[in-house]
N, C-alpha and C. Protein backbone atom coordinates (compact mmCIF):
# COMPACT_ATOMS: atom_id res chain seq x y z
N UNK A 1 29.10 -4.17 13.10
CA UNK A 1 28.73 -5.08 12.05
C UNK A 1 27.90 -6.23 12.61
N UNK A 2 28.25 -6.71 13.80
CA UNK A 2 27.53 -7.83 14.40
C UNK A 2 26.11 -7.45 14.77
N UNK A 3 25.83 -6.17 14.99
CA UNK A 3 24.48 -5.74 15.35
C UNK A 3 23.49 -5.95 14.21
N UNK A 4 23.96 -5.99 12.96
CA UNK A 4 23.06 -6.15 11.83
C UNK A 4 22.67 -7.62 11.61
N UNK A 5 23.40 -8.56 12.22
CA UNK A 5 23.06 -9.97 12.07
C UNK A 5 21.87 -10.31 12.96
N UNK A 6 20.96 -11.18 12.50
CA UNK A 6 19.82 -11.56 13.34
C UNK A 6 20.29 -12.32 14.57
N UNK A 7 19.73 -11.97 15.71
CA UNK A 7 20.09 -12.61 16.96
C UNK A 7 19.20 -13.82 17.21
N UNK A 8 19.75 -14.93 17.75
CA UNK A 8 18.92 -16.09 18.07
C UNK A 8 17.85 -15.72 19.09
N UNK A 9 16.69 -16.38 18.99
CA UNK A 9 15.60 -16.14 19.94
C UNK A 9 15.15 -17.47 20.53
N UNK A 10 14.52 -17.43 21.70
CA UNK A 10 14.07 -18.65 22.35
C UNK A 10 12.89 -19.25 21.59
N UNK A 11 12.87 -20.56 21.50
CA UNK A 11 11.81 -21.28 20.81
C UNK A 11 10.52 -21.20 21.62
N UNK A 12 9.40 -20.97 20.96
CA UNK A 12 8.12 -20.92 21.66
C UNK A 12 7.46 -22.29 21.71
N UNK A 13 8.10 -23.31 21.12
CA UNK A 13 7.56 -24.67 21.12
C UNK A 13 8.15 -25.52 22.25
N UNK A 14 9.45 -25.38 22.47
CA UNK A 14 10.10 -26.15 23.53
C UNK A 14 10.85 -25.18 24.45
N UNK A 15 10.96 -25.47 25.73
CA UNK A 15 11.57 -24.51 26.66
C UNK A 15 13.10 -24.42 26.55
N UNK A 16 13.76 -25.41 25.98
CA UNK A 16 15.22 -25.42 25.98
C UNK A 16 15.82 -24.96 24.66
N UNK A 17 15.02 -24.89 23.60
CA UNK A 17 15.56 -24.62 22.28
C UNK A 17 15.79 -23.16 21.98
N UNK A 18 16.65 -22.93 21.02
CA UNK A 18 16.96 -21.58 20.55
C UNK A 18 16.75 -21.57 19.03
N UNK A 19 15.99 -20.60 18.55
CA UNK A 19 15.74 -20.45 17.12
C UNK A 19 16.94 -19.75 16.48
N UNK A 20 17.51 -20.42 15.48
CA UNK A 20 18.67 -19.89 14.78
C UNK A 20 18.30 -19.59 13.33
N UNK A 21 18.78 -18.47 12.77
CA UNK A 21 18.51 -18.21 11.35
C UNK A 21 19.32 -19.15 10.46
N UNK A 22 18.68 -19.74 9.48
CA UNK A 22 19.33 -20.67 8.56
C UNK A 22 18.77 -20.47 7.15
N UNK A 23 19.54 -20.91 6.18
CA UNK A 23 19.08 -20.96 4.79
C UNK A 23 18.81 -22.43 4.49
N UNK A 24 17.56 -22.76 4.14
CA UNK A 24 17.16 -24.15 3.93
C UNK A 24 16.54 -24.29 2.54
N UNK A 25 16.20 -25.52 2.18
CA UNK A 25 15.43 -25.76 0.96
C UNK A 25 13.96 -25.83 1.36
N UNK A 26 13.15 -24.96 0.77
CA UNK A 26 11.72 -24.87 1.06
C UNK A 26 10.98 -25.72 0.04
N UNK A 27 10.05 -26.56 0.54
CA UNK A 27 9.23 -27.41 -0.32
C UNK A 27 7.78 -27.00 -0.20
N UNK A 28 7.07 -26.93 -1.31
CA UNK A 28 5.64 -26.66 -1.29
C UNK A 28 5.01 -27.28 -2.54
N UNK A 29 3.73 -27.53 -2.45
CA UNK A 29 2.98 -28.08 -3.58
C UNK A 29 2.22 -26.97 -4.28
N UNK A 30 2.26 -26.97 -5.58
CA UNK A 30 1.49 -26.05 -6.40
C UNK A 30 0.65 -26.92 -7.33
N UNK A 31 -0.58 -27.19 -6.90
CA UNK A 31 -1.42 -28.15 -7.62
C UNK A 31 -0.82 -29.53 -7.44
N UNK A 32 -0.46 -30.19 -8.54
CA UNK A 32 0.17 -31.50 -8.49
C UNK A 32 1.69 -31.43 -8.60
N UNK A 33 2.25 -30.23 -8.63
CA UNK A 33 3.69 -30.05 -8.82
C UNK A 33 4.37 -29.73 -7.50
N UNK A 34 5.48 -30.42 -7.23
CA UNK A 34 6.29 -30.13 -6.05
C UNK A 34 7.29 -29.05 -6.43
N UNK A 35 7.26 -27.96 -5.69
CA UNK A 35 8.16 -26.84 -5.94
C UNK A 35 9.22 -26.84 -4.84
N UNK A 36 10.48 -26.71 -5.21
CA UNK A 36 11.56 -26.60 -4.23
C UNK A 36 12.27 -25.27 -4.44
N UNK A 37 12.57 -24.62 -3.34
CA UNK A 37 13.26 -23.33 -3.39
C UNK A 37 14.52 -23.42 -2.53
N UNK A 38 15.69 -23.48 -3.13
CA UNK A 38 16.92 -23.55 -2.33
C UNK A 38 17.25 -22.20 -1.70
N UNK A 39 18.02 -22.23 -0.63
CA UNK A 39 18.49 -21.03 0.06
C UNK A 39 17.34 -20.13 0.52
N UNK A 40 16.34 -20.74 1.15
CA UNK A 40 15.18 -20.00 1.64
C UNK A 40 15.39 -19.67 3.11
N UNK A 41 15.18 -18.40 3.53
CA UNK A 41 15.44 -18.02 4.93
C UNK A 41 14.39 -18.57 5.90
N UNK A 42 14.88 -19.11 7.00
CA UNK A 42 13.99 -19.67 8.03
C UNK A 42 14.68 -19.59 9.39
N UNK A 43 13.85 -19.66 10.43
CA UNK A 43 14.35 -19.77 11.80
C UNK A 43 14.06 -21.20 12.24
N UNK A 44 15.10 -21.92 12.70
CA UNK A 44 14.94 -23.33 13.07
C UNK A 44 15.44 -23.53 14.50
N UNK A 45 14.63 -24.24 15.30
CA UNK A 45 15.00 -24.54 16.68
C UNK A 45 16.09 -25.61 16.68
N UNK A 46 17.14 -25.37 17.48
CA UNK A 46 18.24 -26.33 17.54
C UNK A 46 17.91 -27.57 18.37
N UNK A 47 16.77 -27.55 19.08
CA UNK A 47 16.39 -28.72 19.89
C UNK A 47 15.25 -29.51 19.25
N UNK A 48 14.12 -28.87 18.97
CA UNK A 48 12.94 -29.60 18.48
C UNK A 48 12.77 -29.54 16.97
N UNK A 49 13.51 -28.68 16.29
CA UNK A 49 13.43 -28.60 14.84
C UNK A 49 12.28 -27.74 14.31
N UNK A 50 11.54 -27.09 15.20
CA UNK A 50 10.43 -26.22 14.78
C UNK A 50 10.96 -25.18 13.80
N UNK A 51 10.17 -24.92 12.73
CA UNK A 51 10.58 -23.97 11.70
C UNK A 51 9.60 -22.82 11.61
N UNK A 52 10.14 -21.63 11.48
CA UNK A 52 9.36 -20.43 11.17
C UNK A 52 10.02 -19.84 9.93
N UNK A 53 9.21 -19.69 8.89
CA UNK A 53 9.75 -19.14 7.65
C UNK A 53 9.63 -17.63 7.66
N UNK A 54 10.58 -16.98 7.01
CA UNK A 54 10.60 -15.53 6.91
C UNK A 54 9.34 -15.06 6.19
N UNK A 55 8.54 -14.21 6.84
CA UNK A 55 7.25 -13.78 6.29
C UNK A 55 7.40 -13.02 4.98
N UNK A 56 8.41 -12.18 4.90
CA UNK A 56 8.63 -11.40 3.68
C UNK A 56 8.99 -12.32 2.51
N UNK A 57 9.82 -13.33 2.78
CA UNK A 57 10.21 -14.27 1.73
C UNK A 57 9.02 -15.12 1.29
N UNK A 58 8.17 -15.54 2.23
CA UNK A 58 6.98 -16.32 1.88
C UNK A 58 6.03 -15.49 1.03
N UNK A 59 5.86 -14.22 1.40
CA UNK A 59 4.99 -13.34 0.63
C UNK A 59 5.52 -13.16 -0.79
N UNK A 60 6.82 -12.96 -0.92
CA UNK A 60 7.46 -12.80 -2.22
C UNK A 60 7.30 -14.07 -3.05
N UNK A 61 7.49 -15.24 -2.42
CA UNK A 61 7.34 -16.50 -3.12
C UNK A 61 5.90 -16.71 -3.59
N UNK A 62 4.94 -16.38 -2.74
CA UNK A 62 3.52 -16.50 -3.13
C UNK A 62 3.21 -15.63 -4.34
N UNK A 63 3.80 -14.44 -4.37
CA UNK A 63 3.59 -13.55 -5.51
C UNK A 63 4.17 -14.18 -6.79
N UNK A 64 5.35 -14.78 -6.68
CA UNK A 64 5.99 -15.39 -7.85
C UNK A 64 5.23 -16.63 -8.33
N UNK A 65 4.65 -17.40 -7.39
CA UNK A 65 3.95 -18.62 -7.76
C UNK A 65 2.49 -18.38 -8.13
N UNK A 66 2.03 -17.15 -8.03
CA UNK A 66 0.66 -16.82 -8.41
C UNK A 66 0.45 -17.15 -9.88
N UNK A 67 -0.63 -17.90 -10.20
CA UNK A 67 -0.85 -18.27 -11.61
C UNK A 67 -1.02 -17.07 -12.52
N UNK A 68 -1.36 -15.92 -11.98
CA UNK A 68 -1.54 -14.72 -12.81
C UNK A 68 -0.28 -13.88 -12.88
N UNK A 69 0.81 -14.33 -12.25
CA UNK A 69 2.06 -13.56 -12.27
C UNK A 69 2.57 -13.43 -13.70
N UNK A 70 2.93 -12.24 -14.07
CA UNK A 70 3.48 -11.99 -15.39
C UNK A 70 2.44 -11.73 -16.46
N UNK A 71 1.19 -11.99 -16.15
CA UNK A 71 0.14 -11.73 -17.14
C UNK A 71 -0.26 -10.26 -17.05
N UNK A 72 -0.56 -9.66 -18.18
CA UNK A 72 -0.99 -8.26 -18.12
C UNK A 72 -2.33 -8.14 -17.39
N UNK A 73 -2.47 -7.07 -16.68
CA UNK A 73 -3.74 -6.84 -16.00
C UNK A 73 -4.76 -6.36 -17.02
N UNK A 74 -6.01 -6.79 -16.87
CA UNK A 74 -7.02 -6.36 -17.85
C UNK A 74 -7.23 -4.86 -17.77
N UNK A 75 -7.32 -4.26 -18.95
CA UNK A 75 -7.55 -2.81 -19.01
C UNK A 75 -9.03 -2.54 -18.85
N UNK A 76 -9.32 -1.59 -18.03
CA UNK A 76 -10.72 -1.20 -17.87
C UNK A 76 -11.05 -0.20 -18.97
N UNK A 77 -12.20 -0.38 -19.56
CA UNK A 77 -12.62 0.55 -20.60
C UNK A 77 -12.96 1.89 -19.96
N UNK A 78 -12.48 2.89 -20.59
CA UNK A 78 -12.82 4.24 -20.11
C UNK A 78 -14.17 4.61 -20.67
N UNK A 79 -14.99 5.07 -19.82
CA UNK A 79 -16.29 5.55 -20.30
C UNK A 79 -16.22 7.05 -20.39
N UNK A 80 -16.89 7.59 -21.38
CA UNK A 80 -16.90 9.04 -21.52
C UNK A 80 -17.82 9.63 -20.46
N UNK A 81 -17.40 10.71 -19.88
CA UNK A 81 -18.24 11.31 -18.85
C UNK A 81 -19.55 11.81 -19.46
N UNK A 82 -20.61 11.79 -18.71
CA UNK A 82 -21.87 12.28 -19.25
C UNK A 82 -21.75 13.77 -19.60
N UNK A 83 -22.46 14.16 -20.64
CA UNK A 83 -22.41 15.57 -21.04
C UNK A 83 -23.14 16.42 -20.02
N UNK A 84 -22.60 17.58 -19.80
CA UNK A 84 -23.23 18.50 -18.86
C UNK A 84 -24.40 19.22 -19.52
N UNK A 85 -25.45 19.40 -18.78
CA UNK A 85 -26.57 20.13 -19.37
C UNK A 85 -26.17 21.58 -19.64
N UNK A 86 -26.67 22.11 -20.75
CA UNK A 86 -26.39 23.49 -21.12
C UNK A 86 -27.27 24.42 -20.31
N UNK A 87 -26.72 25.54 -19.95
CA UNK A 87 -27.52 26.54 -19.24
C UNK A 87 -28.60 27.07 -20.18
N UNK A 88 -29.78 27.26 -19.65
CA UNK A 88 -30.88 27.69 -20.50
C UNK A 88 -30.77 29.17 -20.85
N UNK A 89 -30.19 29.97 -20.02
CA UNK A 89 -30.05 31.39 -20.34
C UNK A 89 -28.57 31.71 -20.45
N UNK A 90 -28.24 32.60 -21.38
CA UNK A 90 -26.83 32.96 -21.53
C UNK A 90 -26.34 33.74 -20.32
N UNK A 91 -25.08 33.68 -20.10
CA UNK A 91 -24.48 34.43 -18.99
C UNK A 91 -24.56 35.91 -19.29
N UNK A 92 -24.79 36.66 -18.25
CA UNK A 92 -24.80 38.11 -18.50
C UNK A 92 -23.40 38.59 -18.87
N UNK A 93 -23.38 39.56 -19.79
CA UNK A 93 -22.09 40.09 -20.19
C UNK A 93 -21.71 41.22 -19.24
N UNK A 94 -20.44 41.34 -19.07
CA UNK A 94 -19.98 42.42 -18.20
C UNK A 94 -19.46 43.54 -19.10
N UNK A 95 -20.05 44.67 -18.97
CA UNK A 95 -19.62 45.83 -19.74
C UNK A 95 -18.70 46.65 -18.88
N UNK A 96 -17.59 47.05 -19.45
CA UNK A 96 -16.70 47.88 -18.65
C UNK A 96 -16.72 49.29 -19.11
């Protein structure tokens, strides 16, 4: 069971710190609005405080905050395929 938990990693910002997984409140601006997201996954250094946010969670959040999220996608008009030219001579018949 312990193998499935994320293991701490060394901080790439300071030589003594260890990055620990934590759930934090994420803050970001969307235009003039401050957005807060509680319980957001991040790796935080126990010495310098450097933060690395979970890439999958950031991608998911960006998708949710997209101004076009939830709007139907525009339907492309189907065009009718061009008509095929007719053969000028009829096909030969096969007599059996």
